[in-house]
Structure formats: C-alpha cells, structure tokens
Amino acid sequence: MTTKGQPGRVVRIDDATWDAYGQLCAEKGIARAADMRMHVVREVNAWRKANGIETPPGKKRVVRVPRKKPTTESD
C-alpha cells in the first residue's frame, strides 16, 4: 500500500533484522517507512553535495516530531 501517490518499493530484509528495526523505530517514535525515507534522503543529499550536484527544486519535507504533553501538577 502506498500513500500520497508515491510509488511503492520492495525491500527484502530478513525477519530478525526487520523485527529488531521495528523495535528500534518504536523506541524512536517513528514508523519504519518514515525512518527509511529520511535515511535515503540524507544519503542522496550527501552524495549530491560531494559530487557538486544541485538539489532539484521541489517540495520541502517537514518532519513532525511528537512531543510529550507537559504534566500538570495539582495543588
């Protein structure tokens, strides 16, 4: 299943690694797919910078980080 009209990709990862990655992402509070997308974008941007390739203009991505609600103390 894809979201927002983006094409789906197939990635083959062994079950043990996939399960551990799921735990890691849960602890980070992010979905595996979002984490993988962010990693790929970082890698591509670093590659472009190292090779003097301009980043094509386009939609900027906004990453929303869930924040914990402040605790209220009652007197």
PDB file of N, CA and C in Angstrom:
ATOM      1  N   MET A   1       0.843  -1.178   0.000  1.00  0.00           N
ATOM      2  CA  MET A   1       0.000   0.000   0.000  1.00  0.00           C
ATOM      3  C   MET A   1       0.887   1.240   0.000  1.00  0.00           C
ATOM      4  N   THR A   2       0.530   2.206  -0.798  1.00  0.00           N
ATOM      5  CA  THR A   2       1.302   3.436  -0.853  1.00  0.00           C
ATOM      6  C   THR A   2       0.441   4.595  -0.363  1.00  0.00           C
ATOM      7  N   THR A   3       1.116   5.673  -0.012  1.00  0.00           N
ATOM      8  CA  THR A   3       0.407   6.849   0.454  1.00  0.00           C
ATOM      9  C   THR A   3       0.777   8.048  -0.389  1.00  0.00           C
ATOM     10  N   LYS A   4      -0.124   8.974  -0.471  1.00  0.00           N
ATOM     11  CA  LYS A   4       0.108  10.255  -1.150  1.00  0.00           C
ATOM     12  C   LYS A   4       0.604  10.098  -2.575  1.00  0.00           C
ATOM     13  N   GLY A   5       0.191   9.046  -3.250  1.00  0.00           N
ATOM     14  CA  GLY A   5       0.511   8.879  -4.659  1.00  0.00           C
ATOM     15  C   GLY A   5       1.950   8.503  -4.955  1.00  0.00           C
ATOM     16  N   GLN A   6       2.729   8.153  -3.951  1.00  0.00           N
ATOM     17  CA  GLN A   6       4.115   7.756  -4.176  1.00  0.00           C
ATOM     18  C   GLN A   6       4.158   6.283  -4.551  1.00  0.00           C
ATOM     19  N   PRO A   7       5.049   5.920  -5.466  1.00  0.00           N
ATOM     20  CA  PRO A   7       5.142   4.504  -5.830  1.00  0.00           C
ATOM     21  C   PRO A   7       5.712   3.678  -4.678  1.00  0.00           C
ATOM     22  N   GLY A   8       5.234   2.465  -4.544  1.00  0.00           N
ATOM     23  CA  GLY A   8       5.756   1.560  -3.521  1.00  0.00           C
ATOM     24  C   GLY A   8       7.054   0.932  -3.986  1.00  0.00           C
ATOM     25  N   ARG A   9       7.891   0.557  -3.054  1.00  0.00           N
ATOM     26  CA  ARG A   9       9.153  -0.102  -3.360  1.00  0.00           C
ATOM     27  C   ARG A   9       9.216  -1.401  -2.579  1.00  0.00           C
ATOM     28  N   VAL A  10       9.900  -2.377  -3.121  1.00  0.00           N
ATOM     29  CA  VAL A  10      10.059  -3.658  -2.446  1.00  0.00           C
ATOM     30  C   VAL A  10      11.472  -3.717  -1.878  1.00  0.00           C
ATOM     31  N   VAL A  11      11.567  -4.027  -0.602  1.00  0.00           N
ATOM     32  CA  VAL A  11      12.856  -4.172   0.063  1.00  0.00           C
ATOM     33  C   VAL A  11      12.853  -5.521   0.749  1.00  0.00           C
ATOM     34  N   ARG A  12      13.902  -6.285   0.562  1.00  0.00           N
ATOM     35  CA  ARG A  12      13.982  -7.606   1.184  1.00  0.00           C
ATOM     36  C   ARG A  12      14.938  -7.541   2.369  1.00  0.00           C
ATOM     37  N   ILE A  13      14.402  -7.817   3.549  1.00  0.00           N
ATOM     38  CA  ILE A  13      15.174  -7.778   4.792  1.00  0.00           C
ATOM     39  C   ILE A  13      14.785  -9.010   5.597  1.00  0.00           C
ATOM     40  N   ASP A  14      15.769  -9.675   6.181  1.00  0.00           N
ATOM     41  CA  ASP A  14      15.460 -10.888   6.938  1.00  0.00           C
ATOM     42  C   ASP A  14      14.567 -10.558   8.135  1.00  0.00           C
ATOM     43  N   ASP A  15      13.806 -11.553   8.589  1.00  0.00           N
ATOM     44  CA  ASP A  15      12.814 -11.347   9.640  1.00  0.00           C
ATOM     45  C   ASP A  15      13.405 -10.839  10.950  1.00  0.00           C
ATOM     46  N   ALA A  16      14.529 -11.395  11.372  1.00  0.00           N
ATOM     47  CA  ALA A  16      15.127 -10.980  12.643  1.00  0.00           C
ATOM     48  C   ALA A  16      15.533  -9.503  12.613  1.00  0.00           C
ATOM     49  N   THR A  17      16.147  -9.087  11.518  1.00  0.00           N
ATOM     50  CA  THR A  17      16.551  -7.685  11.381  1.00  0.00           C
ATOM     51  C   THR A  17      15.332  -6.775  11.303  1.00  0.00           C
ATOM     52  N   TRP A  18      14.309  -7.199  10.571  1.00  0.00           N
ATOM     53  CA  TRP A  18      13.094  -6.397  10.426  1.00  0.00           C
ATOM     54  C   TRP A  18      12.397  -6.214  11.781  1.00  0.00           C
ATOM     55  N   ASP A  19      12.339  -7.278  12.567  1.00  0.00           N
ATOM     56  CA  ASP A  19      11.718  -7.196  13.890  1.00  0.00           C
ATOM     57  C   ASP A  19      12.502  -6.253  14.806  1.00  0.00           C
ATOM     58  N   ALA A  20      13.828  -6.378  14.804  1.00  0.00           N
ATOM     59  CA  ALA A  20      14.664  -5.505  15.629  1.00  0.00           C
ATOM     60  C   ALA A  20      14.536  -4.054  15.172  1.00  0.00           C
ATOM     61  N   TYR A  21      14.468  -3.850  13.868  1.00  0.00           N
ATOM     62  CA  TYR A  21      14.298  -2.494  13.322  1.00  0.00           C
ATOM     63  C   TYR A  21      12.952  -1.915  13.750  1.00  0.00           C
ATOM     64  N   GLY A  22      11.933  -2.752  13.820  1.00  0.00           N
ATOM     65  CA  GLY A  22      10.630  -2.312  14.290  1.00  0.00           C
ATOM     66  C   GLY A  22      10.699  -1.842  15.734  1.00  0.00           C
ATOM     67  N   GLN A  23      11.427  -2.571  16.581  1.00  0.00           N
ATOM     68  CA  GLN A  23      11.609  -2.173  17.975  1.00  0.00           C
ATOM     69  C   GLN A  23      12.365  -0.846  18.057  1.00  0.00           C
ATOM     70  N   LEU A  24      13.448  -0.743  17.294  1.00  0.00           N
ATOM     71  CA  LEU A  24      14.249   0.476  17.281  1.00  0.00           C
ATOM     72  C   LEU A  24      13.390   1.677  16.903  1.00  0.00           C
ATOM     73  N   CYS A  25      12.611   1.553  15.837  1.00  0.00           N
ATOM     74  CA  CYS A  25      11.764   2.657  15.376  1.00  0.00           C
ATOM     75  C   CYS A  25      10.673   2.974  16.393  1.00  0.00           C
ATOM     76  N   ALA A  26      10.113   1.954  17.036  1.00  0.00           N
ATOM     77  CA  ALA A  26       9.094   2.195  18.060  1.00  0.00           C
ATOM     78  C   ALA A  26       9.689   3.011  19.204  1.00  0.00           C
ATOM     79  N   GLU A  27      10.916   2.686  19.604  1.00  0.00           N
ATOM     80  CA  GLU A  27      11.585   3.442  20.663  1.00  0.00           C
ATOM     81  C   GLU A  27      11.866   4.874  20.239  1.00  0.00           C
ATOM     82  N   LYS A  28      12.149   5.072  18.948  1.00  0.00           N
ATOM     83  CA  LYS A  28      12.365   6.420  18.426  1.00  0.00           C
ATOM     84  C   LYS A  28      11.049   7.159  18.205  1.00  0.00           C
ATOM     85  N   GLY A  29       9.941   6.416  18.192  1.00  0.00           N
ATOM     86  CA  GLY A  29       8.630   7.025  17.976  1.00  0.00           C
ATOM     87  C   GLY A  29       8.363   7.386  16.526  1.00  0.00           C
ATOM     88  N   ILE A  30       8.876   6.562  15.616  1.00  0.00           N
ATOM     89  CA  ILE A  30       8.711   6.843  14.192  1.00  0.00           C
ATOM     90  C   ILE A  30       8.426   5.535  13.455  1.00  0.00           C
ATOM     91  N   ALA A  31       7.708   5.629  12.368  1.00  0.00           N
ATOM     92  CA  ALA A  31       7.411   4.450  11.552  1.00  0.00           C
ATOM     93  C   ALA A  31       8.667   4.035  10.782  1.00  0.00           C
ATOM     94  N   ARG A  32       8.766   2.729  10.533  1.00  0.00           N
ATOM     95  CA  ARG A  32       9.923   2.233   9.778  1.00  0.00           C
ATOM     96  C   ARG A  32      10.028   2.912   8.419  1.00  0.00           C
ATOM     97  N   ALA A  33       8.908   3.052   7.733  1.00  0.00           N
ATOM     98  CA  ALA A  33       8.931   3.653   6.392  1.00  0.00           C
ATOM     99  C   ALA A  33       9.454   5.088   6.440  1.00  0.00           C
ATOM    100  N   ALA A  34       9.011   5.853   7.414  1.00  0.00           N
ATOM    101  CA  ALA A  34       9.468   7.239   7.538  1.00  0.00           C
ATOM    102  C   ALA A  34      10.961   7.284   7.838  1.00  0.00           C
ATOM    103  N   ASP A  35      11.427   6.395   8.707  1.00  0.00           N
ATOM    104  CA  ASP A  35      12.845   6.339   9.051  1.00  0.00           C
ATOM    105  C   ASP A  35      13.682   5.986   7.822  1.00  0.00           C
ATOM    106  N   MET A  36      13.214   5.035   7.047  1.00  0.00           N
ATOM    107  CA  MET A  36      13.943   4.651   5.835  1.00  0.00           C
ATOM    108  C   MET A  36      13.971   5.798   4.830  1.00  0.00           C
ATOM    109  N   ARG A  37      12.835   6.483   4.651  1.00  0.00           N
ATOM    110  CA  ARG A  37      12.809   7.613   3.721  1.00  0.00           C
ATOM    111  C   ARG A  37      13.791   8.695   4.147  1.00  0.00           C
ATOM    112  N   MET A  38      13.819   9.013   5.452  1.00  0.00           N
ATOM    113  CA  MET A  38      14.742  10.047   5.935  1.00  0.00           C
ATOM    114  C   MET A  38      16.193   9.634   5.692  1.00  0.00           C
ATOM    115  N   HIS A  39      16.497   8.348   5.916  1.00  0.00           N
ATOM    116  CA  HIS A  39      17.862   7.863   5.687  1.00  0.00           C
ATOM    117  C   HIS A  39      18.240   8.018   4.211  1.00  0.00           C
ATOM    118  N   VAL A  40      17.358   7.620   3.323  1.00  0.00           N
ATOM    119  CA  VAL A  40      17.642   7.703   1.888  1.00  0.00           C
ATOM    120  C   VAL A  40      17.849   9.159   1.474  1.00  0.00           C
ATOM    121  N   VAL A  41      17.011  10.058   1.960  1.00  0.00           N
ATOM    122  CA  VAL A  41      17.144  11.478   1.612  1.00  0.00           C
ATOM    123  C   VAL A  41      18.487  12.022   2.100  1.00  0.00           C
ATOM    124  N   ARG A  42      18.885  11.678   3.342  1.00  0.00           N
ATOM    125  CA  ARG A  42      20.191  12.128   3.862  1.00  0.00           C
ATOM    126  C   ARG A  42      21.329  11.616   2.993  1.00  0.00           C
ATOM    127  N   GLU A  43      21.283  10.342   2.633  1.00  0.00           N
ATOM    128  CA  GLU A  43      22.342   9.749   1.818  1.00  0.00           C
ATOM    129  C   GLU A  43      22.428  10.406   0.441  1.00  0.00           C
ATOM    130  N   VAL A  44      21.287  10.611  -0.190  1.00  0.00           N
ATOM    131  CA  VAL A  44      21.269  11.224  -1.525  1.00  0.00           C
ATOM    132  C   VAL A  44      21.765  12.667  -1.454  1.00  0.00           C
ATOM    133  N   ASN A  45      21.334  13.416  -0.443  1.00  0.00           N
ATOM    134  CA  ASN A  45      21.791  14.802  -0.306  1.00  0.00           C
ATOM    135  C   ASN A  45      23.299  14.868  -0.092  1.00  0.00           C
ATOM    136  N   ALA A  46      23.854  13.953   0.732  1.00  0.00           N
ATOM    137  CA  ALA A  46      25.299  13.915   0.945  1.00  0.00           C
ATOM    138  C   ALA A  46      26.027  13.570  -0.347  1.00  0.00           C
ATOM    139  N   TRP A  47      25.497  12.637  -1.108  1.00  0.00           N
ATOM    140  CA  TRP A  47      26.100  12.240  -2.386  1.00  0.00           C
ATOM    141  C   TRP A  47      26.079  13.415  -3.364  1.00  0.00           C
ATOM    142  N   ARG A  48      24.924  14.098  -3.427  1.00  0.00           N
ATOM    143  CA  ARG A  48      24.832  15.257  -4.326  1.00  0.00           C
ATOM    144  C   ARG A  48      25.844  16.324  -3.945  1.00  0.00           C
ATOM    145  N   LYS A  49      25.944  16.604  -2.634  1.00  0.00           N
ATOM    146  CA  LYS A  49      26.880  17.628  -2.162  1.00  0.00           C
ATOM    147  C   LYS A  49      28.318  17.242  -2.495  1.00  0.00           C
ATOM    148  N   ALA A  50      28.680  15.986  -2.270  1.00  0.00           N
ATOM    149  CA  ALA A  50      30.037  15.521  -2.544  1.00  0.00           C
ATOM    150  C   ALA A  50      30.379  15.578  -4.032  1.00  0.00           C
ATOM    151  N   ASN A  51      29.378  15.454  -4.885  1.00  0.00           N
ATOM    152  CA  ASN A  51      29.616  15.438  -6.332  1.00  0.00           C
ATOM    153  C   ASN A  51      29.240  16.749  -7.015  1.00  0.00           C
ATOM    154  N   GLY A  52      28.915  17.772  -6.224  1.00  0.00           N
ATOM    155  CA  GLY A  52      28.594  19.083  -6.792  1.00  0.00           C
ATOM    156  C   GLY A  52      27.315  19.096  -7.605  1.00  0.00           C
ATOM    157  N   ILE A  53      26.382  18.246  -7.254  1.00  0.00           N
ATOM    158  CA  ILE A  53      25.109  18.173  -7.968  1.00  0.00           C
ATOM    159  C   ILE A  53      24.083  18.997  -7.202  1.00  0.00           C
ATOM    160  N   GLU A  54      23.434  19.909  -7.904  1.00  0.00           N
ATOM    161  CA  GLU A  54      22.420  20.736  -7.249  1.00  0.00           C
ATOM    162  C   GLU A  54      21.190  19.905  -6.925  1.00  0.00           C
ATOM    163  N   THR A  55      20.596  20.220  -5.793  1.00  0.00           N
ATOM    164  CA  THR A  55      19.345  19.570  -5.408  1.00  0.00           C
ATOM    165  C   THR A  55      18.237  20.164  -6.253  1.00  0.00           C
ATOM    166  N   PRO A  56      17.463  19.337  -6.932  1.00  0.00           N
ATOM    167  CA  PRO A  56      16.391  19.887  -7.757  1.00  0.00           C
ATOM    168  C   PRO A  56      15.350  20.578  -6.881  1.00  0.00           C
ATOM    169  N   PRO A  57      14.796  21.686  -7.390  1.00  0.00           N
ATOM    170  CA  PRO A  57      13.770  22.365  -6.599  1.00  0.00           C
ATOM    171  C   PRO A  57      12.552  21.459  -6.444  1.00  0.00           C
ATOM    172  N   GLY A  58      11.906  21.596  -5.346  1.00  0.00           N
ATOM    173  CA  GLY A  58      10.737  20.762  -5.110  1.00  0.00           C
ATOM    174  C   GLY A  58      10.147  21.041  -3.755  1.00  0.00           C
ATOM    175  N   LYS A  59       9.242  20.211  -3.396  1.00  0.00           N
ATOM    176  CA  LYS A  59       8.547  20.358  -2.124  1.00  0.00           C
ATOM    177  C   LYS A  59       9.504  20.047  -0.976  1.00  0.00           C
ATOM    178  N   LYS A  60       9.547  20.952  -0.001  1.00  0.00           N
ATOM    179  CA  LYS A  60      10.364  20.703   1.176  1.00  0.00           C
ATOM    180  C   LYS A  60       9.602  19.773   2.104  1.00  0.00           C
ATOM    181  N   ARG A  61      10.327  18.859   2.710  1.00  0.00           N
ATOM    182  CA  ARG A  61       9.705  17.916   3.631  1.00  0.00           C
ATOM    183  C   ARG A  61       9.745  18.470   5.038  1.00  0.00           C
ATOM    184  N   VAL A  62       8.647  18.337   5.713  1.00  0.00           N
ATOM    185  CA  VAL A  62       8.562  18.748   7.104  1.00  0.00           C
ATOM    186  C   VAL A  62       8.411  17.495   7.936  1.00  0.00           C
ATOM    187  N   VAL A  63       9.290  17.326   8.888  1.00  0.00           N
ATOM    188  CA  VAL A  63       9.233  16.157   9.764  1.00  0.00           C
ATOM    189  C   VAL A  63       8.644  16.619  11.087  1.00  0.00           C
ATOM    190  N   ARG A  64       7.532  16.034  11.443  1.00  0.00           N
ATOM    191  CA  ARG A  64       6.889  16.384  12.700  1.00  0.00           C
ATOM    192  C   ARG A  64       7.324  15.395  13.774  1.00  0.00           C
ATOM    193  N   VAL A  65       7.793  15.940  14.855  1.00  0.00           N
ATOM    194  CA  VAL A  65       8.246  15.118  15.966  1.00  0.00           C
ATOM    195  C   VAL A  65       7.189  15.179  17.059  1.00  0.00           C
ATOM    196  N   PRO A  66       6.622  14.038  17.441  1.00  0.00           N
ATOM    197  CA  PRO A  66       5.627  14.081  18.504  1.00  0.00           C
ATOM    198  C   PRO A  66       6.273  14.532  19.815  1.00  0.00           C
ATOM    199  N   ARG A  67       5.609  15.430  20.475  1.00  0.00           N
ATOM    200  CA  ARG A  67       6.136  15.965  21.734  1.00  0.00           C
ATOM    201  C   ARG A  67       5.258  15.507  22.882  1.00  0.00           C
ATOM    202  N   LYS A  68       5.891  15.254  24.006  1.00  0.00           N
ATOM    203  CA  LYS A  68       5.133  14.847  25.180  1.00  0.00           C
ATOM    204  C   LYS A  68       4.445  16.076  25.757  1.00  0.00           C
ATOM    205  N   LYS A  69       3.200  15.878  26.211  1.00  0.00           N
ATOM    206  CA  LYS A  69       2.469  16.968  26.821  1.00  0.00           C
ATOM    207  C   LYS A  69       3.054  17.232  28.208  1.00  0.00           C
ATOM    208  N   PRO A  70       3.150  18.508  28.567  1.00  0.00           N
ATOM    209  CA  PRO A  70       3.688  18.800  29.890  1.00  0.00           C
ATOM    210  C   PRO A  70       2.739  18.281  30.974  1.00  0.00           C
ATOM    211  N   THR A  71       3.321  17.800  32.034  1.00  0.00           N
ATOM    212  CA  THR A  71       2.492  17.303  33.130  1.00  0.00           C
ATOM    213  C   THR A  71       1.979  18.481  33.939  1.00  0.00           C
ATOM    214  N   THR A  72       0.738  18.374  34.371  1.00  0.00           N
ATOM    215  CA  THR A  72       0.164  19.438  35.190  1.00  0.00           C
ATOM    216  C   THR A  72       0.129  18.949  36.630  1.00  0.00           C
ATOM    217  N   GLU A  73       0.621  19.773  37.486  1.00  0.00           N
ATOM    218  CA  GLU A  73       0.628  19.423  38.901  1.00  0.00           C
ATOM    219  C   GLU A  73      -0.546  20.111  39.579  1.00  0.00           C
ATOM    220  N   SER A  74      -1.312  19.354  40.311  1.00  0.00           N
ATOM    221  CA  SER A  74      -2.437  19.961  41.033  1.00  0.00           C
ATOM    222  C   SER A  74      -2.048  20.152  42.500  1.00  0.00           C
ATOM    223  N   ASP A  75      -2.463  21.278  43.029  1.00  0.00           N
ATOM    224  CA  ASP A  75      -2.130  21.596  44.432  1.00  0.00           C
ATOM    225  C   ASP A  75      -3.146  21.044  45.386  1.00  0.00           C
TER     226      ASP A  75
END
